[in-house]
Amino acid sequence: MCIRDRISLGSENPKEDRKVLDLLLARRVDGIILQAPQATHKINDDYVRSLAEEVPIIIIGRQIPGLEKQCVIVKNFDGAYLATSHLIAKGHRAIAHITGMLWVEDAAQRRDGYCQALRDHEIEVVPELIIEGDFSETSGSQAVDVLLSRREAFPFSAIFAGNDQMAIGARLALYYRRIGVPEEVSLVGFDDLLGTQYMIPPLTTIRQPMFYMGLMATQALLAIFSGEPFNLPVFPLELVIRQSVAIH
């Protein structure tokens, strides 16, 4: 049995990612666990569905219509709601949000969770405080530049970034502007990437249970091989409190 346990795709060129997958098929692997978030590339759903017709596949980080049973997903809405509610609990009411590309379901769900948390706490959703990024550090930095250019008209005391990479970029932009975190602006990310605990200050973020997601994906793939039924759970998320949020 030839199994490639996990492939992480993140090339800027979707054709390169397809070449990797085509190479695996040529090697006649028995199954693929595909970490393929929409946020990192634009391999379309049709291509992933075509893969699933040739080889058993479990997808991490992306929902594919028609393959929902084989997708490992997390509660993005709930995680964003939790992050925003934490900022509100610390006294923040003017909270900016840097989204990923909103054509990506994860980004839209996180934006919606942010908005719902504000509404549930009777805080107005201000469109000018929502900036669309692309999940990269650069877009996080650029989003902060836009927010600061609007700050006189639309002040904010906290930023919820839709992933940790954008939070890292936002932190750098605030540093260049000599704006203290969390003394002047609190900051929350999403994902709990390795290294965020070593940022200055360490980043408060939402943790995805990546180990258990991978474990369940592997068990599901083995169940397919043996013809047994399987049911992938929807994974809850955890707020990791560090030092990037202050009481407002």
Protein backbone atom coordinates (compact mmCIF):
# COMPACT_ATOMS: atom_id res chain seq x y z
CA MET A 1 0.00 0.00 0.00
CA CYS A 2 1.37 3.39 -0.98
CA ILE A 3 -0.03 6.28 1.00
CA ARG A 4 1.05 9.90 0.91
CA ASP A 5 -0.20 11.03 4.31
CA ARG A 6 -0.29 14.75 3.79
CA ILE A 7 0.40 17.29 1.07
CA SER A 8 0.41 20.99 1.84
CA LEU A 9 -0.21 23.14 -1.18
CA GLY A 10 0.69 26.81 -1.13
CA SER A 11 2.30 27.69 -4.42
CA GLU A 12 1.56 31.07 -5.92
CA ASN A 13 1.08 29.21 -9.18
CA PRO A 14 -1.91 26.83 -9.20
CA LYS A 15 -0.37 24.90 -12.11
CA GLU A 16 2.58 23.95 -9.90
CA ASP A 17 0.24 22.60 -7.23
CA ARG A 18 -1.57 20.56 -9.87
CA LYS A 19 1.73 19.11 -11.06
CA VAL A 20 2.40 17.84 -7.53
CA LEU A 21 -1.00 16.17 -7.37
CA ASP A 22 -0.68 14.72 -10.86
CA LEU A 23 2.70 13.28 -9.88
CA LEU A 24 1.13 11.52 -6.90
CA LEU A 25 -1.55 10.04 -9.11
CA ALA A 26 1.13 8.83 -11.51
CA ARG A 27 2.78 7.06 -8.58
CA ARG A 28 -0.52 5.29 -7.90
CA VAL A 29 -0.91 6.36 -4.31
CA ASP A 30 -3.79 4.67 -2.54
CA GLY A 31 -5.05 7.84 -0.89
CA ILE A 32 -4.38 11.51 -0.33
CA ILE A 33 -4.91 13.81 2.62
CA LEU A 34 -4.96 17.19 0.98
CA GLN A 35 -4.35 20.35 2.95
CA ALA A 36 -5.73 22.75 0.41
CA PRO A 37 -7.16 25.96 1.86
CA GLN A 38 -8.80 28.20 -0.71
CA ALA A 39 -6.91 31.06 0.86
CA THR A 40 -3.53 29.95 -0.42
CA HIS A 41 -4.22 29.07 -4.04
CA LYS A 42 -6.94 28.80 -6.65
CA ILE A 43 -7.14 25.14 -7.54
CA ASN A 44 -10.81 24.98 -8.35
CA ASP A 45 -13.40 22.70 -6.83
CA ASP A 46 -13.92 20.80 -10.09
CA TYR A 47 -10.28 19.72 -10.09
CA VAL A 48 -10.48 18.47 -6.51
CA ARG A 49 -13.68 16.57 -7.35
CA SER A 50 -11.91 14.98 -10.32
CA LEU A 51 -9.13 13.84 -7.97
CA ALA A 52 -11.73 12.26 -5.71
CA GLU A 53 -12.99 10.18 -8.63
CA GLU A 54 -9.53 8.64 -9.08
CA VAL A 55 -8.31 8.16 -5.53
CA PRO A 56 -9.77 8.31 -2.00
CA ILE A 57 -9.21 11.80 -0.64
CA ILE A 58 -9.72 13.75 2.59
CA ILE A 59 -9.51 17.54 2.38
CA ILE A 60 -8.31 19.71 5.28
CA GLY A 61 -9.10 23.41 5.39
CA ARG A 62 -11.56 23.64 2.53
CA GLN A 63 -15.17 22.76 1.88
CA ILE A 64 -15.85 21.24 -1.53
CA PRO A 65 -19.50 20.99 -2.63
CA GLY A 66 -20.29 17.36 -3.28
CA LEU A 67 -17.43 16.18 -1.04
CA GLU A 68 -18.68 17.56 2.28
CA LYS A 69 -18.38 14.17 4.01
CA GLN A 70 -14.66 14.09 3.14
CA CYS A 71 -13.83 17.62 4.34
CA VAL A 72 -12.26 18.44 7.70
CA ILE A 73 -13.78 21.74 8.77
CA VAL A 74 -13.70 24.03 11.78
CA LYS A 75 -16.20 26.45 13.31
CA ASN A 76 -14.81 29.61 11.74
CA PHE A 77 -17.89 31.65 12.64
CA ASP A 78 -17.69 30.59 16.27
CA GLY A 79 -13.96 31.29 16.45
CA ALA A 80 -14.37 34.82 15.12
CA TYR A 81 -17.30 35.39 17.45
CA LEU A 82 -15.12 34.25 20.36
CA ALA A 83 -12.22 36.51 19.36
CA THR A 84 -14.44 39.57 18.95
CA SER A 85 -16.34 38.87 22.17
CA HIS A 86 -13.02 38.70 24.03
CA LEU A 87 -12.14 42.18 22.84
CA ILE A 88 -15.59 43.44 23.80
CA ALA A 89 -15.20 41.90 27.26
CA LYS A 90 -12.00 43.91 27.64
CA GLY A 91 -13.95 47.12 27.02
CA HIS A 92 -13.34 47.60 23.30
CA ARG A 93 -16.26 48.79 21.21
CA ALA A 94 -14.53 50.21 18.14
CA ILE A 95 -13.01 47.03 16.75
CA ALA A 96 -11.54 46.87 13.26
CA HIS A 97 -11.48 43.65 11.28
CA ILE A 98 -9.02 42.61 8.57
CA THR A 99 -10.61 39.85 6.51
CA GLY A 100 -9.18 37.37 4.09
CA MET A 101 -10.46 37.31 0.53
CA LEU A 102 -14.21 37.25 0.99
CA TRP A 103 -14.76 34.80 -1.86
CA VAL A 104 -13.11 32.29 0.49
CA GLU A 105 -15.73 30.70 2.72
CA ASP A 106 -13.44 30.71 5.79
CA ALA A 107 -12.93 34.46 5.48
CA ALA A 108 -16.62 35.16 5.01
CA GLN A 109 -17.53 33.00 8.00
CA ARG A 110 -14.98 34.81 10.19
CA ARG A 111 -16.27 38.20 9.02
CA ASP A 112 -19.81 37.10 9.83
CA GLY A 113 -18.80 35.90 13.29
CA TYR A 114 -17.16 39.25 13.98
CA CYS A 115 -20.27 41.15 12.85
CA GLN A 116 -22.62 38.95 14.87
CA ALA A 117 -20.59 39.41 18.05
CA LEU A 118 -20.83 43.18 17.63
CA ARG A 119 -24.58 43.04 17.02
CA ASP A 120 -25.19 40.75 19.98
CA HIS A 121 -23.44 43.29 22.20
CA GLU A 122 -25.42 46.16 20.63
CA ILE A 123 -22.37 47.61 18.89
CA GLU A 124 -22.76 49.10 15.44
CA VAL A 125 -20.99 47.35 12.58
CA VAL A 126 -18.98 50.08 10.84
CA PRO A 127 -18.16 49.09 7.23
CA GLU A 128 -15.17 51.46 7.17
CA LEU A 129 -13.56 49.37 9.94
CA ILE A 130 -13.69 46.19 7.83
CA ILE A 131 -10.76 45.92 5.42
CA GLU A 132 -10.37 43.03 2.99
CA GLY A 133 -6.92 41.49 2.87
CA ASP A 134 -5.63 38.31 1.24
CA PHE A 135 -4.39 36.37 4.29
CA SER A 136 -0.78 37.55 3.75
CA GLU A 137 1.43 39.58 6.09
CA THR A 138 1.66 42.32 3.46
CA SER A 139 -2.11 42.71 3.26
CA GLY A 140 -2.30 42.97 7.05
CA SER A 141 0.22 45.80 6.99
CA GLN A 142 -1.57 47.55 4.14
CA ALA A 143 -4.91 47.19 5.91
CA VAL A 144 -3.54 48.97 8.97
CA ASP A 145 -2.34 51.82 6.74
CA VAL A 146 -5.89 52.18 5.42
CA LEU A 147 -7.40 52.01 8.90
CA LEU A 148 -5.01 54.65 10.22
CA SER A 149 -5.78 56.93 7.29
CA ARG A 150 -9.44 56.77 8.37
CA ARG A 151 -8.81 56.84 12.10
CA GLU A 152 -9.81 60.44 12.70
CA ALA A 153 -13.28 59.77 11.27
CA PHE A 154 -13.48 56.12 12.31
CA PRO A 155 -11.42 55.61 15.47
CA PHE A 156 -10.64 52.10 16.71
CA SER A 157 -8.94 50.64 19.77
CA ALA A 158 -8.55 47.03 18.63
CA ILE A 159 -8.02 44.92 15.53
CA PHE A 160 -9.20 41.39 14.90
CA ALA A 161 -7.20 39.94 12.01
CA GLY A 162 -8.70 37.02 10.09
CA ASN A 163 -5.49 35.01 10.41
CA ASP A 164 -2.15 35.21 12.19
CA GLN A 165 -0.18 36.19 9.09
CA MET A 166 -2.27 39.34 8.70
CA ALA A 167 -1.96 39.98 12.43
CA ILE A 168 1.83 39.81 12.06
CA GLY A 169 1.70 42.33 9.21
CA ALA A 170 -0.63 44.56 11.21
CA ARG A 171 1.72 44.44 14.20
CA LEU A 172 4.64 45.54 12.03
CA ALA A 173 2.67 48.43 10.54
CA LEU A 174 1.69 49.61 14.02
CA TYR A 175 5.32 49.37 15.12
CA TYR A 176 6.45 51.54 12.21
CA ARG A 177 3.83 54.11 13.19
CA ARG A 178 5.05 53.96 16.80
CA ILE A 179 1.64 52.76 17.98
CA GLY A 180 1.94 50.51 21.00
CA VAL A 181 0.38 47.05 21.17
CA PRO A 182 -1.59 46.59 23.33
CA GLU A 183 -1.22 49.98 25.05
CA GLU A 184 -2.85 51.89 22.19
CA VAL A 185 -4.28 49.18 19.95
CA SER A 186 -5.12 45.63 21.00
CA LEU A 187 -4.61 42.84 18.46
CA VAL A 188 -6.08 39.36 17.99
CA GLY A 189 -5.25 36.82 15.29
CA PHE A 190 -6.63 33.47 14.15
CA ASP A 191 -4.95 30.04 13.74
CA ASP A 192 -2.26 30.06 16.49
CA LEU A 193 0.63 29.58 14.12
CA LEU A 194 3.93 28.37 15.49
CA GLY A 195 5.89 31.39 16.62
CA THR A 196 3.00 33.67 17.51
CA GLN A 197 3.77 33.06 21.17
CA TYR A 198 7.18 34.66 20.54
CA MET A 199 5.89 37.86 18.96
CA ILE A 200 6.31 41.11 20.86
CA PRO A 201 3.90 41.06 22.54
CA PRO A 202 2.84 37.40 22.32
CA LEU A 203 -0.30 37.22 20.19
CA THR A 204 -3.75 36.44 21.50
CA THR A 205 -5.33 34.22 18.86
CA ILE A 206 -7.78 31.45 18.03
CA ARG A 207 -6.24 27.99 18.01
CA GLN A 208 -7.17 25.34 15.46
CA PRO A 209 -6.64 21.76 16.71
CA MET A 210 -4.37 20.82 13.81
CA PHE A 211 -3.01 17.63 15.42
CA TYR A 212 -6.49 16.19 15.95
CA MET A 213 -7.67 17.37 12.55
CA GLY A 214 -4.79 15.45 10.97
CA LEU A 215 -5.42 12.43 13.18
CA MET A 216 -9.11 12.27 12.29
CA ALA A 217 -8.34 12.80 8.61
CA THR A 218 -5.95 9.84 8.65
CA GLN A 219 -8.45 7.65 10.48
CA ALA A 220 -11.12 8.59 7.94
CA LEU A 221 -8.85 7.69 5.04
CA LEU A 222 -8.03 4.33 6.61
CA ALA A 223 -11.75 3.73 7.07
CA ILE A 224 -12.27 4.32 3.34
CA PHE A 225 -9.57 1.74 2.56
CA SER A 226 -11.26 -0.85 4.76
CA GLY A 227 -14.77 -0.03 3.55
CA GLU A 228 -15.90 1.10 6.99
CA PRO A 229 -18.20 4.08 7.64
CA PHE A 230 -16.66 7.26 9.01
CA ASN A 231 -17.90 10.60 10.23
CA LEU A 232 -15.57 13.61 10.42
CA PRO A 233 -16.50 15.94 13.29
CA VAL A 234 -16.68 19.70 13.04
CA PHE A 235 -13.76 20.87 15.15
CA PRO A 236 -14.25 23.52 17.84
CA LEU A 237 -11.76 26.35 18.28
CA GLU A 238 -10.03 27.70 21.38
CA LEU A 239 -9.19 31.24 22.44
CA VAL A 240 -5.52 31.46 23.43
CA ILE A 241 -5.02 34.51 25.64
CA ARG A 242 -1.59 36.11 25.56
CA GLN A 243 -0.42 39.71 25.97
CA SER A 244 -1.61 41.52 22.83
CA VAL A 245 -4.94 42.62 24.32
CA ALA A 246 -5.34 45.24 27.02
CA ILE A 247 -8.33 46.53 28.94
CA HIS A 248 -9.73 49.62 27.23
